[in-house]
């Protein structure tokens, strides 16, 4: 699925929100006009400087997972054989968003090859990693690999998304809305179930290009 397919998936989810009961709807604010920097213009901020400065902001790290979105008889399987397997990717851009209704959000690049599979599933689970799960995070950051090879997990209770073993917390969600954000998409999930471990292990943190 290319950019057009991702945009189509976003539109489908936005339309599903519009047709939801009034009490479940979230007001959509006007979007600012997006304008690319022309060839004859200088970008207001260089990419290297942007990454260097924003790297000073320490973030937690999660793995966003989704169940297999297609069965062997689903045409989507022919387009992308990986649709018959769970999907997942490592993510720093995750945040709680709303208490009422309970919403969370994560950001994913438009060129992500995992996002279309999560979009087709329509659900996802956020797995909050512990300080000892750096290698697990690296495994889910690799593109094209079998990310679930040797990884212990069970099915999250509401959506069946992979719930990874040994994490600090998990948040089981249904995709609520998808918004554009430059070269990324902002995916909003409605929380259906969640839980946390009783351990005292610290979270996995990322700062200036490395784990803390």
N, C-alpha and C. Protein backbone atom coordinates (compact mmCIF):
# COMPACT_ATOMS: atom_id res chain seq x y z
N UNK A 1 0.85 -1.19 0.00
CA UNK A 1 0.00 0.00 0.00
C UNK A 1 0.88 1.24 0.00
N UNK A 2 0.69 2.15 -0.99
CA UNK A 2 1.48 3.37 -1.04
C UNK A 2 0.82 4.49 -0.28
N UNK A 3 1.30 5.74 -0.55
CA UNK A 3 0.74 6.88 0.16
C UNK A 3 -0.76 7.02 -0.08
N UNK A 4 -1.17 6.74 -1.32
CA UNK A 4 -2.60 6.87 -1.65
C UNK A 4 -3.42 5.89 -0.82
N UNK A 5 -2.90 4.67 -0.66
CA UNK A 5 -3.61 3.68 0.14
C UNK A 5 -3.70 4.08 1.59
N UNK A 6 -2.58 4.64 2.11
CA UNK A 6 -2.59 5.09 3.50
C UNK A 6 -3.61 6.21 3.69
N UNK A 7 -3.64 7.13 2.72
CA UNK A 7 -4.60 8.23 2.82
C UNK A 7 -6.02 7.70 2.79
N UNK A 8 -6.26 6.70 1.93
CA UNK A 8 -7.60 6.10 1.86
C UNK A 8 -7.99 5.48 3.19
N UNK A 9 -7.02 4.81 3.83
CA UNK A 9 -7.31 4.21 5.14
C UNK A 9 -7.66 5.28 6.15
N UNK A 10 -6.91 6.40 6.09
CA UNK A 10 -7.19 7.50 7.02
C UNK A 10 -8.60 8.04 6.80
N UNK A 11 -8.98 8.21 5.53
CA UNK A 11 -10.31 8.74 5.22
C UNK A 11 -11.39 7.80 5.74
N UNK A 12 -11.19 6.49 5.58
CA UNK A 12 -12.19 5.53 6.06
C UNK A 12 -12.40 5.67 7.55
N UNK A 13 -11.31 5.83 8.31
CA UNK A 13 -11.44 5.95 9.75
C UNK A 13 -12.08 7.27 10.15
N UNK A 14 -11.74 8.34 9.43
CA UNK A 14 -12.35 9.62 9.73
C UNK A 14 -13.85 9.56 9.46
N UNK A 15 -14.25 8.89 8.39
CA UNK A 15 -15.68 8.76 8.08
C UNK A 15 -16.38 7.92 9.13
N UNK A 16 -15.68 6.91 9.66
CA UNK A 16 -16.31 6.09 10.69
C UNK A 16 -16.58 6.89 11.94
N UNK A 17 -15.71 7.87 12.22
CA UNK A 17 -15.94 8.74 13.38
C UNK A 17 -17.14 9.64 13.12
N UNK A 18 -17.26 10.13 11.87
CA UNK A 18 -18.35 11.03 11.55
C UNK A 18 -19.71 10.34 11.69
N UNK A 19 -19.77 9.04 11.44
CA UNK A 19 -21.04 8.33 11.50
C UNK A 19 -21.29 7.71 12.87
N UNK A 20 -20.37 7.91 13.82
CA UNK A 20 -20.55 7.37 15.16
C UNK A 20 -21.67 8.13 15.86
N UNK A 21 -22.27 7.52 16.90
CA UNK A 21 -23.29 8.24 17.66
C UNK A 21 -22.77 9.58 18.17
N UNK A 22 -23.65 10.56 18.28
CA UNK A 22 -23.23 11.92 18.66
C UNK A 22 -22.45 11.94 19.96
N UNK A 23 -22.84 11.12 20.93
CA UNK A 23 -22.17 11.14 22.23
C UNK A 23 -20.73 10.63 22.14
N UNK A 24 -20.39 9.91 21.05
CA UNK A 24 -19.05 9.36 20.92
C UNK A 24 -18.18 10.20 20.01
N UNK A 25 -18.74 11.21 19.39
CA UNK A 25 -17.97 11.98 18.43
C UNK A 25 -17.02 12.94 19.15
N UNK A 26 -15.87 13.14 18.52
CA UNK A 26 -14.89 14.11 19.00
C UNK A 26 -14.83 15.23 17.98
N UNK A 27 -14.95 16.46 18.44
CA UNK A 27 -14.95 17.59 17.52
C UNK A 27 -13.62 17.68 16.78
N UNK A 28 -13.70 17.82 15.47
CA UNK A 28 -12.51 17.95 14.65
C UNK A 28 -12.22 19.43 14.43
N UNK A 29 -11.07 19.87 14.90
CA UNK A 29 -10.70 21.27 14.75
C UNK A 29 -10.19 21.53 13.34
N UNK A 30 -10.32 22.79 12.86
CA UNK A 30 -9.81 23.11 11.52
C UNK A 30 -8.31 22.80 11.42
N UNK A 31 -7.91 22.26 10.30
CA UNK A 31 -6.50 21.93 10.12
C UNK A 31 -5.77 23.09 9.46
N UNK A 32 -4.52 23.35 9.90
CA UNK A 32 -3.75 24.41 9.23
C UNK A 32 -3.38 23.98 7.82
N UNK A 33 -3.24 24.94 6.96
CA UNK A 33 -2.84 24.64 5.59
C UNK A 33 -1.38 24.17 5.58
N UNK A 34 -1.12 23.02 4.95
CA UNK A 34 0.23 22.50 4.86
C UNK A 34 0.87 23.01 3.58
N UNK A 35 2.09 23.51 3.69
CA UNK A 35 2.79 24.05 2.53
C UNK A 35 4.21 23.53 2.51
N UNK A 36 4.59 22.91 1.40
CA UNK A 36 5.95 22.42 1.27
C UNK A 36 6.89 23.59 0.99
N UNK A 37 8.14 23.42 1.37
CA UNK A 37 9.16 24.44 1.08
C UNK A 37 9.53 24.34 -0.38
N UNK A 38 9.42 25.44 -1.09
CA UNK A 38 9.72 25.45 -2.52
C UNK A 38 11.20 25.30 -2.78
N UNK A 39 11.55 24.94 -4.04
CA UNK A 39 12.95 24.76 -4.39
C UNK A 39 13.73 26.06 -4.28
N UNK A 40 13.04 27.18 -4.42
CA UNK A 40 13.72 28.48 -4.35
C UNK A 40 13.68 29.06 -2.94
N UNK A 41 13.21 28.28 -1.96
CA UNK A 41 13.15 28.74 -0.59
C UNK A 41 14.12 27.96 0.29
N UNK A 42 14.46 28.56 1.39
CA UNK A 42 15.29 27.88 2.37
C UNK A 42 14.39 27.34 3.48
N UNK A 43 14.57 26.08 3.82
CA UNK A 43 13.77 25.51 4.91
C UNK A 43 14.01 26.30 6.18
N UNK A 44 12.95 26.62 6.94
CA UNK A 44 13.13 27.43 8.15
C UNK A 44 14.03 26.75 9.18
N UNK A 45 14.03 25.43 9.21
CA UNK A 45 14.86 24.67 10.14
C UNK A 45 15.43 23.46 9.41
N UNK A 46 16.74 23.28 9.49
CA UNK A 46 17.36 22.14 8.84
C UNK A 46 17.04 20.84 9.57
N UNK A 47 17.03 19.73 8.81
CA UNK A 47 16.71 18.44 9.42
C UNK A 47 17.70 18.05 10.51
N UNK A 48 18.98 18.28 10.26
CA UNK A 48 20.00 17.89 11.23
C UNK A 48 19.82 18.67 12.53
N UNK A 49 19.57 19.97 12.42
CA UNK A 49 19.36 20.79 13.62
C UNK A 49 18.09 20.37 14.34
N UNK A 50 17.06 20.08 13.57
CA UNK A 50 15.79 19.66 14.17
C UNK A 50 16.00 18.40 15.02
N UNK A 51 16.67 17.40 14.45
CA UNK A 51 16.90 16.16 15.18
C UNK A 51 17.82 16.38 16.38
N UNK A 52 18.85 17.19 16.20
CA UNK A 52 19.80 17.42 17.29
C UNK A 52 19.12 18.08 18.48
N UNK A 53 18.33 19.10 18.22
CA UNK A 53 17.69 19.83 19.31
C UNK A 53 16.57 19.02 19.95
N UNK A 54 15.71 18.40 19.12
CA UNK A 54 14.60 17.62 19.67
C UNK A 54 15.09 16.37 20.38
N UNK A 55 16.31 15.93 20.06
CA UNK A 55 16.88 14.77 20.73
C UNK A 55 17.13 15.00 22.20
N UNK A 56 17.12 16.26 22.63
CA UNK A 56 17.29 16.57 24.05
C UNK A 56 16.06 16.22 24.88
N UNK A 57 14.95 15.96 24.20
CA UNK A 57 13.73 15.59 24.90
C UNK A 57 13.70 14.09 25.08
N UNK A 58 13.83 13.61 26.30
CA UNK A 58 13.81 12.17 26.57
C UNK A 58 12.38 11.64 26.45
N UNK A 59 12.26 10.48 25.84
CA UNK A 59 10.94 9.88 25.65
C UNK A 59 10.93 8.45 26.17
N UNK A 60 9.75 7.97 26.47
CA UNK A 60 9.57 6.56 26.72
C UNK A 60 9.55 5.82 25.38
N UNK A 61 9.58 4.51 25.43
CA UNK A 61 9.58 3.71 24.21
C UNK A 61 8.49 2.64 24.33
N UNK A 62 7.72 2.49 23.26
CA UNK A 62 6.66 1.48 23.23
C UNK A 62 6.79 0.66 21.95
N UNK A 63 6.14 -0.48 21.95
CA UNK A 63 5.96 -1.25 20.71
C UNK A 63 4.47 -1.31 20.44
N UNK A 64 4.08 -0.81 19.29
CA UNK A 64 2.68 -0.83 18.88
C UNK A 64 2.46 -2.10 18.05
N UNK A 65 1.51 -2.92 18.44
CA UNK A 65 1.26 -4.18 17.75
C UNK A 65 -0.19 -4.25 17.28
N UNK A 66 -0.41 -5.11 16.30
CA UNK A 66 -1.78 -5.35 15.80
C UNK A 66 -1.87 -6.81 15.39
N UNK A 67 -3.06 -7.39 15.47
CA UNK A 67 -3.23 -8.79 15.04
C UNK A 67 -3.19 -8.90 13.54
N UNK A 68 -3.07 -10.12 13.06
CA UNK A 68 -3.13 -10.35 11.62
C UNK A 68 -4.44 -9.79 11.08
N UNK A 69 -4.35 -9.01 10.03
CA UNK A 69 -5.53 -8.33 9.52
C UNK A 69 -6.26 -9.11 8.45
N UNK A 70 -5.63 -10.16 7.94
CA UNK A 70 -6.23 -10.88 6.82
C UNK A 70 -6.04 -12.37 6.99
N UNK A 71 -7.03 -13.12 6.57
CA UNK A 71 -6.93 -14.57 6.55
C UNK A 71 -6.49 -15.05 5.19
N UNK A 72 -6.27 -16.33 5.01
CA UNK A 72 -5.78 -16.86 3.73
C UNK A 72 -6.71 -16.62 2.56
N UNK A 73 -8.01 -16.39 2.84
CA UNK A 73 -8.96 -16.16 1.75
C UNK A 73 -9.22 -14.68 1.52
N UNK A 74 -8.54 -13.83 2.28
CA UNK A 74 -8.73 -12.39 2.14
C UNK A 74 -7.84 -11.88 1.01
N UNK A 75 -8.38 -11.10 0.04
CA UNK A 75 -7.57 -10.58 -1.06
C UNK A 75 -6.37 -9.77 -0.57
N UNK A 76 -6.47 -9.16 0.61
CA UNK A 76 -5.36 -8.37 1.12
C UNK A 76 -4.13 -9.23 1.33
N UNK A 77 -4.31 -10.52 1.58
CA UNK A 77 -3.18 -11.41 1.79
C UNK A 77 -2.36 -11.56 0.53
N UNK A 78 -3.02 -11.53 -0.61
CA UNK A 78 -2.29 -11.64 -1.88
C UNK A 78 -1.47 -10.39 -2.14
N UNK A 79 -2.03 -9.22 -1.77
CA UNK A 79 -1.32 -7.97 -1.97
C UNK A 79 -0.13 -7.86 -1.02
N UNK A 80 -0.26 -8.36 0.18
CA UNK A 80 0.78 -8.28 1.19
C UNK A 80 0.72 -9.54 2.04
N UNK A 81 1.54 -10.55 1.73
CA UNK A 81 1.49 -11.82 2.46
C UNK A 81 1.68 -11.65 3.96
N UNK A 82 2.34 -10.56 4.39
CA UNK A 82 2.55 -10.35 5.82
C UNK A 82 1.25 -10.06 6.56
N UNK A 83 0.17 -9.80 5.81
CA UNK A 83 -1.11 -9.51 6.45
C UNK A 83 -1.61 -10.69 7.27
N UNK A 84 -1.11 -11.88 6.96
CA UNK A 84 -1.54 -13.07 7.69
C UNK A 84 -0.76 -13.25 8.99
N UNK A 85 0.15 -12.33 9.29
CA UNK A 85 0.96 -12.39 10.51
C UNK A 85 0.74 -11.12 11.32
N UNK A 86 1.00 -11.15 12.63
CA UNK A 86 0.86 -9.92 13.43
C UNK A 86 1.80 -8.83 12.94
N UNK A 87 1.47 -7.60 13.25
CA UNK A 87 2.29 -6.45 12.87
C UNK A 87 2.78 -5.74 14.12
N UNK A 88 3.90 -5.06 14.02
CA UNK A 88 4.39 -4.31 15.17
C UNK A 88 5.57 -3.44 14.80
N UNK A 89 5.72 -2.33 15.51
CA UNK A 89 6.89 -1.47 15.30
C UNK A 89 7.20 -0.71 16.58
N UNK A 90 8.48 -0.36 16.75
CA UNK A 90 8.92 0.42 17.91
C UNK A 90 8.56 1.88 17.69
N UNK A 91 8.13 2.54 18.74
CA UNK A 91 7.61 3.90 18.61
C UNK A 91 7.99 4.75 19.81
N UNK A 92 8.52 5.94 19.55
CA UNK A 92 8.79 6.91 20.62
C UNK A 92 7.67 7.93 20.75
N UNK A 93 6.96 8.15 19.64
CA UNK A 93 5.95 9.21 19.61
C UNK A 93 4.60 8.67 20.07
N UNK A 94 4.47 8.48 21.36
CA UNK A 94 3.23 7.99 21.95
C UNK A 94 2.84 8.89 23.10
N UNK A 95 1.54 9.08 23.27
CA UNK A 95 1.08 9.95 24.36
C UNK A 95 -0.35 9.62 24.74
N UNK A 96 -0.67 9.84 26.02
CA UNK A 96 -2.07 9.85 26.40
C UNK A 96 -2.68 11.12 25.83
N UNK A 97 -3.98 11.10 25.56
CA UNK A 97 -4.60 12.23 24.87
C UNK A 97 -5.84 12.75 25.57
N UNK A 98 -6.71 11.87 26.04
CA UNK A 98 -7.99 12.30 26.60
C UNK A 98 -8.44 11.33 27.66
N UNK A 99 -9.08 11.88 28.71
CA UNK A 99 -9.66 11.04 29.76
C UNK A 99 -11.10 10.65 29.44
N UNK A 100 -11.85 11.54 28.79
CA UNK A 100 -13.26 11.30 28.52
C UNK A 100 -13.60 11.78 27.12
N UNK A 101 -13.62 10.90 26.13
CA UNK A 101 -13.40 9.46 26.25
C UNK A 101 -11.92 9.14 26.42
N UNK A 102 -11.59 7.92 26.87
CA UNK A 102 -10.18 7.58 27.04
C UNK A 102 -9.50 7.38 25.69
N UNK A 103 -8.59 8.28 25.36
CA UNK A 103 -7.91 8.24 24.07
C UNK A 103 -6.40 8.31 24.26
N UNK A 104 -5.67 7.63 23.39
CA UNK A 104 -4.22 7.76 23.31
C UNK A 104 -3.87 8.03 21.85
N UNK A 105 -2.62 8.39 21.61
CA UNK A 105 -2.21 8.68 20.24
C UNK A 105 -0.76 8.26 20.02
N UNK A 106 -0.48 7.85 18.79
CA UNK A 106 0.90 7.64 18.40
C UNK A 106 1.10 8.19 16.99
N UNK A 107 2.34 8.51 16.67
CA UNK A 107 2.67 9.05 15.36
C UNK A 107 3.48 8.01 14.58
N UNK A 108 3.20 7.90 13.30
CA UNK A 108 3.89 6.93 12.45
C UNK A 108 4.20 7.58 11.11
N UNK A 109 5.38 7.30 10.58
CA UNK A 109 5.78 7.87 9.30
C UNK A 109 4.90 7.41 8.16
N UNK A 110 4.64 8.28 7.21
CA UNK A 110 3.80 7.92 6.07
C UNK A 110 4.42 6.81 5.23
N UNK A 111 5.74 6.66 5.29
CA UNK A 111 6.40 5.62 4.50
C UNK A 111 6.51 4.30 5.24
N UNK A 112 5.97 4.22 6.46
CA UNK A 112 6.03 2.98 7.23
C UNK A 112 5.37 1.84 6.48
N UNK A 113 6.02 0.69 6.45
CA UNK A 113 5.42 -0.49 5.83
C UNK A 113 4.54 -1.26 6.81
N UNK A 114 4.65 -0.93 8.09
CA UNK A 114 3.84 -1.61 9.11
C UNK A 114 2.49 -0.93 9.29
N UNK A 115 2.44 0.38 9.15
CA UNK A 115 1.20 1.10 9.38
C UNK A 115 0.03 0.59 8.54
N UNK A 116 0.18 0.32 7.22
CA UNK A 116 -0.98 -0.17 6.47
C UNK A 116 -1.57 -1.44 7.06
N UNK A 117 -0.74 -2.29 7.64
CA UNK A 117 -1.25 -3.53 8.24
C UNK A 117 -2.02 -3.24 9.52
N UNK A 118 -1.55 -2.26 10.29
CA UNK A 118 -2.29 -1.86 11.50
C UNK A 118 -3.61 -1.21 11.08
N UNK A 119 -3.57 -0.41 10.03
CA UNK A 119 -4.78 0.25 9.55
C UNK A 119 -5.82 -0.76 9.11
N UNK A 120 -5.38 -1.82 8.42
CA UNK A 120 -6.32 -2.84 7.98
C UNK A 120 -6.92 -3.59 9.17
N UNK A 121 -6.09 -3.81 10.22
CA UNK A 121 -6.61 -4.49 11.41
C UNK A 121 -7.63 -3.63 12.13
N UNK A 122 -7.42 -2.30 12.13
CA UNK A 122 -8.36 -1.39 12.78
C UNK A 122 -8.20 -1.32 14.29
N UNK A 123 -7.23 -2.04 14.84
CA UNK A 123 -7.01 -2.07 16.29
C UNK A 123 -5.51 -2.14 16.54
N UNK A 124 -5.11 -1.87 17.79
CA UNK A 124 -3.70 -1.99 18.14
C UNK A 124 -3.54 -2.07 19.65
N UNK A 125 -2.37 -2.54 20.08
CA UNK A 125 -2.02 -2.57 21.50
C UNK A 125 -0.70 -1.86 21.68
N UNK A 126 -0.64 -0.96 22.63
CA UNK A 126 0.59 -0.25 22.97
C UNK A 126 1.26 -1.00 24.12
N UNK A 127 2.49 -1.45 23.89
CA UNK A 127 3.25 -2.18 24.90
C UNK A 127 4.35 -1.26 25.44
N UNK A 128 4.25 -0.86 26.70
CA UNK A 128 5.22 0.05 27.30
C UNK A 128 6.43 -0.76 27.77
N UNK A 129 7.60 -0.49 27.19
CA UNK A 129 8.77 -1.31 27.45
C UNK A 129 9.47 -0.94 28.75
N UNK A 130 10.06 -1.96 29.36
CA UNK A 130 10.84 -1.76 30.58
C UNK A 130 12.30 -1.52 30.22
N UNK A 131 13.10 -1.09 31.21
CA UNK A 131 14.49 -0.73 30.97
C UNK A 131 15.30 -1.89 30.42
N UNK A 132 14.89 -3.12 30.71
CA UNK A 132 15.64 -4.27 30.25
C UNK A 132 15.23 -4.79 28.89
N UNK A 133 14.40 -4.05 28.18
CA UNK A 133 13.87 -4.54 26.89
C UNK A 133 14.41 -3.77 25.70
N UNK A 134 15.64 -3.28 25.83
CA UNK A 134 16.26 -2.56 24.72
C UNK A 134 16.43 -3.41 23.48
N UNK A 135 16.83 -4.68 23.65
CA UNK A 135 17.01 -5.55 22.49
C UNK A 135 15.68 -5.85 21.82
N UNK A 136 14.63 -6.00 22.61
CA UNK A 136 13.30 -6.20 22.04
C UNK A 136 12.90 -5.00 21.21
N UNK A 137 13.20 -3.82 21.71
CA UNK A 137 12.88 -2.60 20.97
C UNK A 137 13.63 -2.57 19.64
N UNK A 138 14.91 -2.91 19.68
CA UNK A 138 15.70 -2.91 18.44
C UNK A 138 15.14 -3.90 17.43
N UNK A 139 14.66 -5.05 17.92
CA UNK A 139 14.11 -6.04 17.01
C UNK A 139 12.88 -5.50 16.29
N UNK A 140 12.06 -4.73 16.98
CA UNK A 140 10.85 -4.18 16.38
C UNK A 140 11.12 -2.91 15.58
N UNK A 141 12.36 -2.42 15.64
CA UNK A 141 12.72 -1.24 14.86
C UNK A 141 13.27 -1.61 13.49
N UNK A 142 13.52 -2.91 13.26
CA UNK A 142 14.07 -3.37 11.99
C UNK A 142 12.95 -3.57 10.98
N UNK A 143 13.15 -3.05 9.78
CA UNK A 143 12.13 -3.18 8.74
C UNK A 143 12.32 -4.47 7.97
N UNK A 144 11.22 -5.16 7.71
CA UNK A 144 11.24 -6.34 6.87
C UNK A 144 11.56 -7.64 7.56
N UNK A 145 11.97 -7.59 8.83
CA UNK A 145 12.33 -8.81 9.54
C UNK A 145 11.09 -9.45 10.17
N UNK A 146 11.24 -10.72 10.59
CA UNK A 146 10.18 -11.39 11.34
C UNK A 146 10.31 -10.91 12.79
N UNK A 147 9.62 -9.85 13.11
CA UNK A 147 9.81 -9.19 14.40
C UNK A 147 9.31 -10.03 15.58
N UNK A 148 8.42 -10.95 15.33
CA UNK A 148 7.84 -11.73 16.42
C UNK A 148 8.57 -13.06 16.65
N UNK A 149 9.63 -13.32 15.89
CA UNK A 149 10.37 -14.57 16.05
C UNK A 149 10.98 -14.64 17.45
N UNK A 150 10.62 -15.66 18.20
CA UNK A 150 11.16 -15.85 19.54
C UNK A 150 10.61 -14.91 20.59
N UNK A 151 9.60 -14.11 20.24
CA UNK A 151 9.03 -13.14 21.19
C UNK A 151 7.80 -13.76 21.86
N UNK A 152 7.79 -13.73 23.18
CA UNK A 152 6.64 -14.26 23.93
C UNK A 152 5.53 -13.21 24.00
N UNK A 153 4.31 -13.62 23.69
CA UNK A 153 3.18 -12.70 23.78
C UNK A 153 1.89 -13.51 23.85
N UNK A 154 0.84 -12.84 24.32
CA UNK A 154 -0.49 -13.41 24.27
C UNK A 154 -1.42 -12.40 23.63
N UNK A 155 -2.71 -12.69 23.59
CA UNK A 155 -3.67 -11.81 22.94
C UNK A 155 -4.26 -10.83 23.94
N UNK A 156 -4.21 -9.55 23.63
CA UNK A 156 -4.85 -8.54 24.46
C UNK A 156 -6.35 -8.83 24.50
N UNK A 157 -7.02 -8.57 25.64
CA UNK A 157 -8.39 -9.06 25.84
C UNK A 157 -9.45 -8.47 24.92
N UNK A 158 -9.32 -7.21 24.54
CA UNK A 158 -10.38 -6.58 23.76
C UNK A 158 -10.20 -6.76 22.26
N UNK A 159 -8.97 -6.64 21.76
CA UNK A 159 -8.75 -6.63 20.31
C UNK A 159 -7.99 -7.83 19.79
N UNK A 160 -7.38 -8.60 20.68
CA UNK A 160 -6.57 -9.72 20.22
C UNK A 160 -5.21 -9.33 19.71
N UNK A 161 -4.85 -8.06 19.85
CA UNK A 161 -3.52 -7.61 19.43
C UNK A 161 -2.46 -8.25 20.31
N UNK A 162 -1.25 -8.49 19.78
CA UNK A 162 -0.20 -9.09 20.60
C UNK A 162 0.15 -8.24 21.83
N UNK A 163 0.10 -8.88 22.99
CA UNK A 163 0.48 -8.23 24.24
C UNK A 163 1.80 -8.86 24.66
N UNK A 164 2.88 -8.11 24.54
CA UNK A 164 4.22 -8.64 24.74
C UNK A 164 4.49 -8.95 26.20
N UNK A 165 5.21 -10.03 26.44
CA UNK A 165 5.54 -10.44 27.80
C UNK A 165 6.61 -9.53 28.39
N UNK A 166 6.52 -9.28 29.69
CA UNK A 166 7.56 -8.55 30.40
C UNK A 166 7.49 -7.05 30.29
N UNK A 167 6.43 -6.50 29.70
CA UNK A 167 6.33 -5.05 29.58
C UNK A 167 5.77 -4.44 30.87
N UNK A 168 5.94 -3.13 31.00
CA UNK A 168 5.45 -2.44 32.19
C UNK A 168 3.94 -2.24 32.16
N UNK A 169 3.41 -2.03 30.96
CA UNK A 169 1.97 -1.76 30.83
C UNK A 169 1.54 -2.05 29.40
N UNK A 170 0.24 -2.21 29.23
CA UNK A 170 -0.32 -2.42 27.90
C UNK A 170 -1.63 -1.65 27.80
N UNK A 171 -1.90 -1.12 26.61
CA UNK A 171 -3.11 -0.35 26.36
C UNK A 171 -3.72 -0.90 25.07
N UNK A 172 -4.90 -1.48 25.18
CA UNK A 172 -5.57 -2.17 24.08
C UNK A 172 -6.58 -1.20 23.45
N UNK A 173 -6.47 -0.95 22.15
CA UNK A 173 -7.23 0.15 21.54
C UNK A 173 -7.87 -0.21 20.21
N UNK A 174 -8.92 0.54 19.88
CA UNK A 174 -9.53 0.55 18.56
C UNK A 174 -9.18 1.87 17.90
N UNK A 175 -8.82 1.85 16.62
CA UNK A 175 -8.49 3.10 15.94
C UNK A 175 -9.72 4.00 15.90
N UNK A 176 -9.54 5.21 16.41
CA UNK A 176 -10.63 6.18 16.55
C UNK A 176 -10.60 7.23 15.45
N UNK A 177 -9.41 7.66 15.07
CA UNK A 177 -9.26 8.68 14.02
C UNK A 177 -7.82 8.68 13.55
N UNK A 178 -7.60 9.17 12.33
CA UNK A 178 -6.26 9.33 11.78
C UNK A 178 -6.18 10.73 11.18
N UNK A 179 -5.16 11.48 11.59
CA UNK A 179 -4.98 12.84 11.11
C UNK A 179 -3.62 12.97 10.43
N UNK A 180 -3.52 13.89 9.47
CA UNK A 180 -2.24 14.13 8.82
C UNK A 180 -1.39 15.06 9.68
N UNK A 181 -0.08 14.85 9.63
CA UNK A 181 0.86 15.70 10.35
C UNK A 181 2.18 15.77 9.61
N UNK A 182 2.22 16.52 8.51
CA UNK A 182 3.45 16.59 7.73
C UNK A 182 3.79 15.24 7.12
N UNK A 183 5.02 14.76 7.39
CA UNK A 183 5.42 13.47 6.82
C UNK A 183 5.02 12.31 7.72
N UNK A 184 4.19 12.58 8.74
CA UNK A 184 3.70 11.53 9.63
C UNK A 184 2.16 11.54 9.67
N UNK A 185 1.61 10.47 10.21
CA UNK A 185 0.19 10.38 10.50
C UNK A 185 0.02 10.34 12.01
N UNK A 186 -1.02 10.98 12.50
CA UNK A 186 -1.34 10.98 13.93
C UNK A 186 -2.51 10.03 14.12
N UNK A 187 -2.24 8.92 14.77
CA UNK A 187 -3.25 7.88 14.94
C UNK A 187 -3.82 7.96 16.36
N UNK A 188 -5.11 8.16 16.46
CA UNK A 188 -5.79 8.26 17.75
C UNK A 188 -6.51 6.94 18.01
N UNK A 189 -6.29 6.38 19.20
CA UNK A 189 -6.94 5.15 19.56
C UNK A 189 -7.85 5.31 20.76
N UNK A 190 -9.01 4.67 20.70
CA UNK A 190 -9.92 4.66 21.85
C UNK A 190 -9.58 3.44 22.71
N UNK A 191 -9.32 3.67 23.98
CA UNK A 191 -8.86 2.61 24.87
C UNK A 191 -10.03 1.70 25.26
N UNK A 192 -9.86 0.40 24.98
CA UNK A 192 -10.87 -0.59 25.31
C UNK A 192 -10.52 -1.36 26.57
N UNK A 193 -9.23 -1.52 26.84
CA UNK A 193 -8.75 -2.24 28.03
C UNK A 193 -7.31 -1.84 28.25
N UNK A 194 -6.83 -1.99 29.48
CA UNK A 194 -5.45 -1.66 29.79
C UNK A 194 -5.05 -2.29 31.11
N UNK A 195 -3.75 -2.33 31.34
CA UNK A 195 -3.27 -2.92 32.58
C UNK A 195 -1.79 -2.62 32.76
N UNK A 196 -1.29 -2.82 33.99
CA UNK A 196 0.11 -2.58 34.30
C UNK A 196 0.61 -3.68 35.23
N UNK A 197 1.91 -3.94 35.19
CA UNK A 197 2.50 -4.93 36.07
C UNK A 197 2.71 -4.33 37.46
N UNK A 198 2.93 -5.19 38.41
CA UNK A 198 3.11 -4.73 39.79
C UNK A 198 4.59 -4.52 40.13
N UNK A 199 5.48 -4.75 39.16
CA UNK A 199 6.91 -4.63 39.42
C UNK A 199 7.37 -3.19 39.55
N UNK A 200 8.62 -3.04 39.98
CA UNK A 200 9.20 -1.72 40.20
C UNK A 200 10.27 -1.40 39.17
N UNK A 201 10.38 -2.18 38.10
CA UNK A 201 11.42 -1.93 37.11
C UNK A 201 11.16 -0.61 36.40
N UNK A 202 12.20 0.20 36.15
CA UNK A 202 12.01 1.49 35.48
C UNK A 202 11.68 1.30 34.00
N UNK A 203 11.19 2.35 33.36
CA UNK A 203 10.86 2.26 31.93
C UNK A 203 12.10 2.39 31.05
N UNK A 204 11.97 1.95 29.81
CA UNK A 204 13.01 2.16 28.82
C UNK A 204 12.89 3.59 28.30
N UNK A 205 13.97 4.35 28.35
CA UNK A 205 13.97 5.74 27.90
C UNK A 205 14.94 5.92 26.75
N UNK A 206 14.63 6.87 25.88
CA UNK A 206 15.48 7.17 24.73
C UNK A 206 15.84 8.64 24.77
N UNK A 207 17.16 8.92 24.64
CA UNK A 207 17.63 10.30 24.75
C UNK A 207 18.89 10.47 23.92
N UNK A 208 18.89 11.45 23.04
CA UNK A 208 20.04 11.76 22.18
C UNK A 208 20.56 10.53 21.43
N UNK A 209 19.63 9.77 20.89
CA UNK A 209 20.00 8.66 20.02
C UNK A 209 20.39 7.39 20.71
N UNK A 210 20.17 7.29 22.03
CA UNK A 210 20.54 6.05 22.72
C UNK A 210 19.57 5.80 23.87
N UNK A 211 19.54 4.54 24.31
CA UNK A 211 18.70 4.17 25.45
C UNK A 211 19.38 4.59 26.75
N UNK A 212 18.57 4.96 27.72
CA UNK A 212 19.08 5.31 29.05
C UNK A 212 18.82 4.15 30.00
